[in-house]
Protein backbone atom coordinates (compact mmCIF):
# COMPACT_ATOMS: atom_id res chain seq x y z
CA MET A 1 11.32 9.62 -8.09
CA GLN A 2 12.58 6.13 -7.68
CA TYR A 3 10.19 2.75 -8.97
CA ILE A 4 10.53 -0.62 -8.27
CA ILE A 5 8.16 -1.49 -11.38
CA GLU A 6 7.35 1.23 -13.72
CA THR A 7 4.72 1.24 -16.81
CA GLU A 8 4.47 4.13 -18.99
CA ARG A 9 1.85 5.74 -16.53
CA LEU A 10 2.48 3.93 -13.35
CA GLY A 11 4.80 3.52 -10.88
CA LEU A 12 5.50 1.35 -7.91
CA ARG A 13 7.67 2.23 -4.25
CA GLU A 14 7.80 1.75 -1.08
CA LEU A 15 5.24 2.90 1.17
CA GLU A 16 5.93 5.83 3.49
CA GLN A 17 4.37 7.34 6.26
CA GLU A 18 3.87 11.07 4.24
CA ASP A 19 1.25 8.38 1.85
CA PHE A 20 -1.19 8.45 5.04
CA GLY A 21 -3.76 10.82 3.43
CA ALA A 22 -3.66 9.68 -0.06
CA LEU A 23 -4.30 5.85 1.86
CA CYS A 24 -7.36 6.62 3.98
CA LEU A 25 -9.01 7.29 1.00
CA PHE A 26 -9.22 3.95 -0.37
CA LEU A 27 -8.36 1.87 3.23
CA GLN A 28 -11.14 3.96 5.36
CA ASP A 29 -14.09 3.35 2.39
CA ILE A 30 -15.94 0.72 3.66
CA GLU A 31 -17.25 0.24 -0.01
CA VAL A 32 -13.48 -0.06 -1.97
CA MET A 33 -12.72 -2.65 1.52
CA TYR A 34 -15.41 -4.76 1.29
CA ALA A 35 -13.69 -7.63 0.18
CA TRP A 36 -11.62 -7.07 3.89
CA GLU A 37 -15.24 -6.93 5.79
CA TYR A 38 -14.02 -3.86 7.61
CA ALA A 39 -12.59 -0.17 6.69
CA PHE A 40 -9.43 1.02 8.32
CA SER A 41 -9.02 3.57 11.43
CA ASP A 42 -6.40 5.92 10.96
CA GLU A 43 -4.39 4.28 13.69
CA GLN A 44 -4.83 1.38 11.43
CA VAL A 45 -3.53 2.96 8.58
CA ARG A 46 -0.81 4.01 10.15
CA GLU A 47 0.20 0.14 11.25
CA PHE A 48 -0.72 -0.92 7.79
CA ILE A 49 2.22 1.16 6.30
CA SER A 50 4.51 0.59 9.41
CA ASN A 51 3.68 -3.43 8.67
CA GLN A 52 4.76 -2.68 4.83
CA GLN A 53 7.90 -0.86 5.82
CA LYS A 54 8.79 -4.50 7.77
CA ARG A 55 8.16 -6.34 5.39
CA TYR A 56 10.46 -5.01 3.02
CA GLU A 57 13.00 -5.44 5.83
CA VAL A 58 12.09 -9.62 6.08
CA ASP A 59 11.24 -10.23 3.59
CA GLY A 60 12.01 -8.17 0.61
CA PHE A 61 8.70 -6.73 -0.47
CA GLY A 62 5.61 -6.31 0.47
CA TYR A 63 2.25 -4.15 -0.54
CA TYR A 64 3.91 -1.22 -2.56
CA ALA A 65 2.06 2.35 -3.26
CA ALA A 66 0.39 2.38 -6.69
CA VAL A 67 1.71 6.11 -7.75
CA GLU A 68 -0.17 7.81 -11.20
CA LYS A 69 3.09 9.22 -13.03
CA GLU A 70 1.48 11.56 -14.93
CA SER A 71 -0.01 13.41 -11.29
CA GLY A 72 2.49 12.30 -8.71
CA LYS A 73 -1.02 10.65 -6.67
CA VAL A 74 -0.73 7.29 -5.23
CA ILE A 75 -3.96 5.70 -6.78
CA GLY A 76 -3.48 2.76 -4.86
CA CYS A 77 -1.26 -0.28 -3.27
CA MET A 78 -0.37 -3.64 -5.00
CA GLY A 79 2.76 -6.25 -4.73
CA PRO A 80 3.27 -9.65 -3.37
CA LEU A 81 3.24 -10.47 0.31
CA MET A 82 5.26 -13.53 2.52
CA GLU A 83 1.75 -15.09 3.88
CA HIS A 84 2.57 -18.48 6.39
CA ILE A 85 -0.96 -20.25 6.18
CA ASP A 86 -1.82 -23.46 8.80
CA GLY A 87 -2.73 -26.50 7.26
């Protein structure tokens, strides 16, 4: 697996539609998503992945899948974002 950033235990790679199930585990958990003030629907999770894939093309980066290397499981997502803030 090719990682964009890698440590001894963690690798970051671009999100893929195949990550849907793993992302649902936390994006649809209201306790995890308290700072966003809502949990995602299935459609919103799919849109989230698609939006990150667009960010890779437009900005060159976005949220990445955080993969626990030992298990190969996606345990989160993280990364820099380009935000346009008015004011």
